[in-house]
Amino acid sequence: MGVNKIPKNGDEKIRITFAQLLLSTFSAFIGIQSNANRERDFKHGKISHFILIGLLFGLVFIFTIVGVVNIVLNLAGA
């Protein structure tokens, strides 16, 4: 996946796509982020987008763990 180039007033501004944002955040979340992608993110990404997606992944992770624990407890008869 490359970065999109969007011209703006004669200058070229490089943006990270939403799919790249999700993939990059997920990769960093589980600890397999490549150095090249990390450098691209710091150079062309917005920190607020990464924070928001990171918080979303964190919430999904917590709700998944709570759901799995509830299912296991119900199956165990507790």
Protein backbone atom coordinates (compact mmCIF):
# COMPACT_ATOMS: atom_id res chain seq x y z
CA MET A 1 0.00 0.00 0.00
CA GLY A 2 1.37 3.38 -0.94
CA VAL A 3 0.38 6.75 0.35
CA ASN A 4 -2.10 8.90 -1.52
CA LYS A 5 -0.85 12.15 -2.97
CA ILE A 6 -3.40 14.91 -2.94
CA PRO A 7 -2.38 18.18 -4.58
CA LYS A 8 -3.17 21.31 -2.59
CA ASN A 9 -2.47 24.79 -3.97
CA GLY A 10 0.37 23.59 -6.17
CA ASP A 11 2.00 21.63 -3.34
CA GLU A 12 1.73 17.89 -2.90
CA LYS A 13 0.45 16.78 0.50
CA ILE A 14 0.89 13.12 1.35
CA ARG A 15 -1.91 11.54 3.38
CA ILE A 16 -2.31 8.16 4.99
CA THR A 17 -5.44 6.31 3.90
CA PHE A 18 -8.00 5.06 6.42
CA ALA A 19 -7.04 1.45 5.69
CA GLN A 20 -3.36 2.27 6.31
CA LEU A 21 -4.33 4.03 9.53
CA LEU A 22 -6.25 0.98 10.78
CA LEU A 23 -3.58 -1.50 9.74
CA SER A 24 -0.77 0.59 11.17
CA THR A 25 -2.56 1.14 14.48
CA PHE A 26 -3.50 -2.54 14.79
CA SER A 27 0.08 -3.60 13.97
CA ALA A 28 1.44 -1.26 16.62
CA PHE A 29 -1.22 -2.41 19.09
CA ILE A 30 -0.09 -6.03 18.87
CA GLY A 31 3.60 -5.13 18.58
CA ILE A 32 4.50 -6.02 14.99
CA GLN A 33 4.73 -2.53 13.44
CA SER A 34 7.51 -2.23 10.86
CA ASN A 35 10.03 0.57 11.15
CA ALA A 36 9.19 1.88 7.66
CA ASN A 37 5.49 2.15 8.50
CA ARG A 38 6.25 3.76 11.85
CA GLU A 39 8.39 6.41 10.15
CA ARG A 40 5.67 7.01 7.53
CA ASP A 41 3.07 7.40 10.28
CA PHE A 42 5.15 9.92 12.23
CA LYS A 43 5.96 11.88 9.10
CA HIS A 44 2.54 11.97 7.40
CA GLY A 45 -0.07 10.97 9.97
CA LYS A 46 -2.03 12.98 12.51
CA ILE A 47 -1.50 12.00 16.12
CA SER A 48 -5.17 12.60 16.96
CA HIS A 49 -6.24 9.97 14.43
CA PHE A 50 -3.87 7.39 15.89
CA ILE A 51 -4.97 8.15 19.45
CA LEU A 52 -8.65 7.83 18.53
CA ILE A 53 -8.19 4.53 16.69
CA GLY A 54 -5.94 3.23 19.50
CA LEU A 55 -8.61 4.01 22.09
CA LEU A 56 -11.20 2.30 19.91
CA PHE A 57 -9.03 -0.83 19.61
CA GLY A 58 -8.48 -0.77 23.38
CA LEU A 59 -12.22 -0.63 24.07
CA VAL A 60 -12.92 -3.45 21.61
CA PHE A 61 -10.20 -5.53 23.29
CA ILE A 62 -11.64 -4.94 26.78
CA PHE A 63 -15.21 -5.75 25.70
CA THR A 64 -13.98 -8.89 23.93
CA ILE A 65 -12.18 -10.12 27.06
CA VAL A 66 -15.20 -9.36 29.26
CA GLY A 67 -17.47 -11.20 26.80
CA VAL A 68 -15.24 -14.27 26.64
CA VAL A 69 -14.97 -14.41 30.44
CA ASN A 70 -18.77 -14.15 30.78
CA ILE A 71 -19.28 -16.97 28.26
CA VAL A 72 -16.77 -19.22 30.04
CA LEU A 73 -18.35 -18.51 33.44
CA ASN A 74 -21.82 -19.28 32.09
CA LEU A 75 -20.63 -22.55 30.55
CA ALA A 76 -18.88 -23.50 33.81
CA GLY A 77 -22.12 -22.94 35.76
CA ALA A 78 -20.74 -20.21 37.96
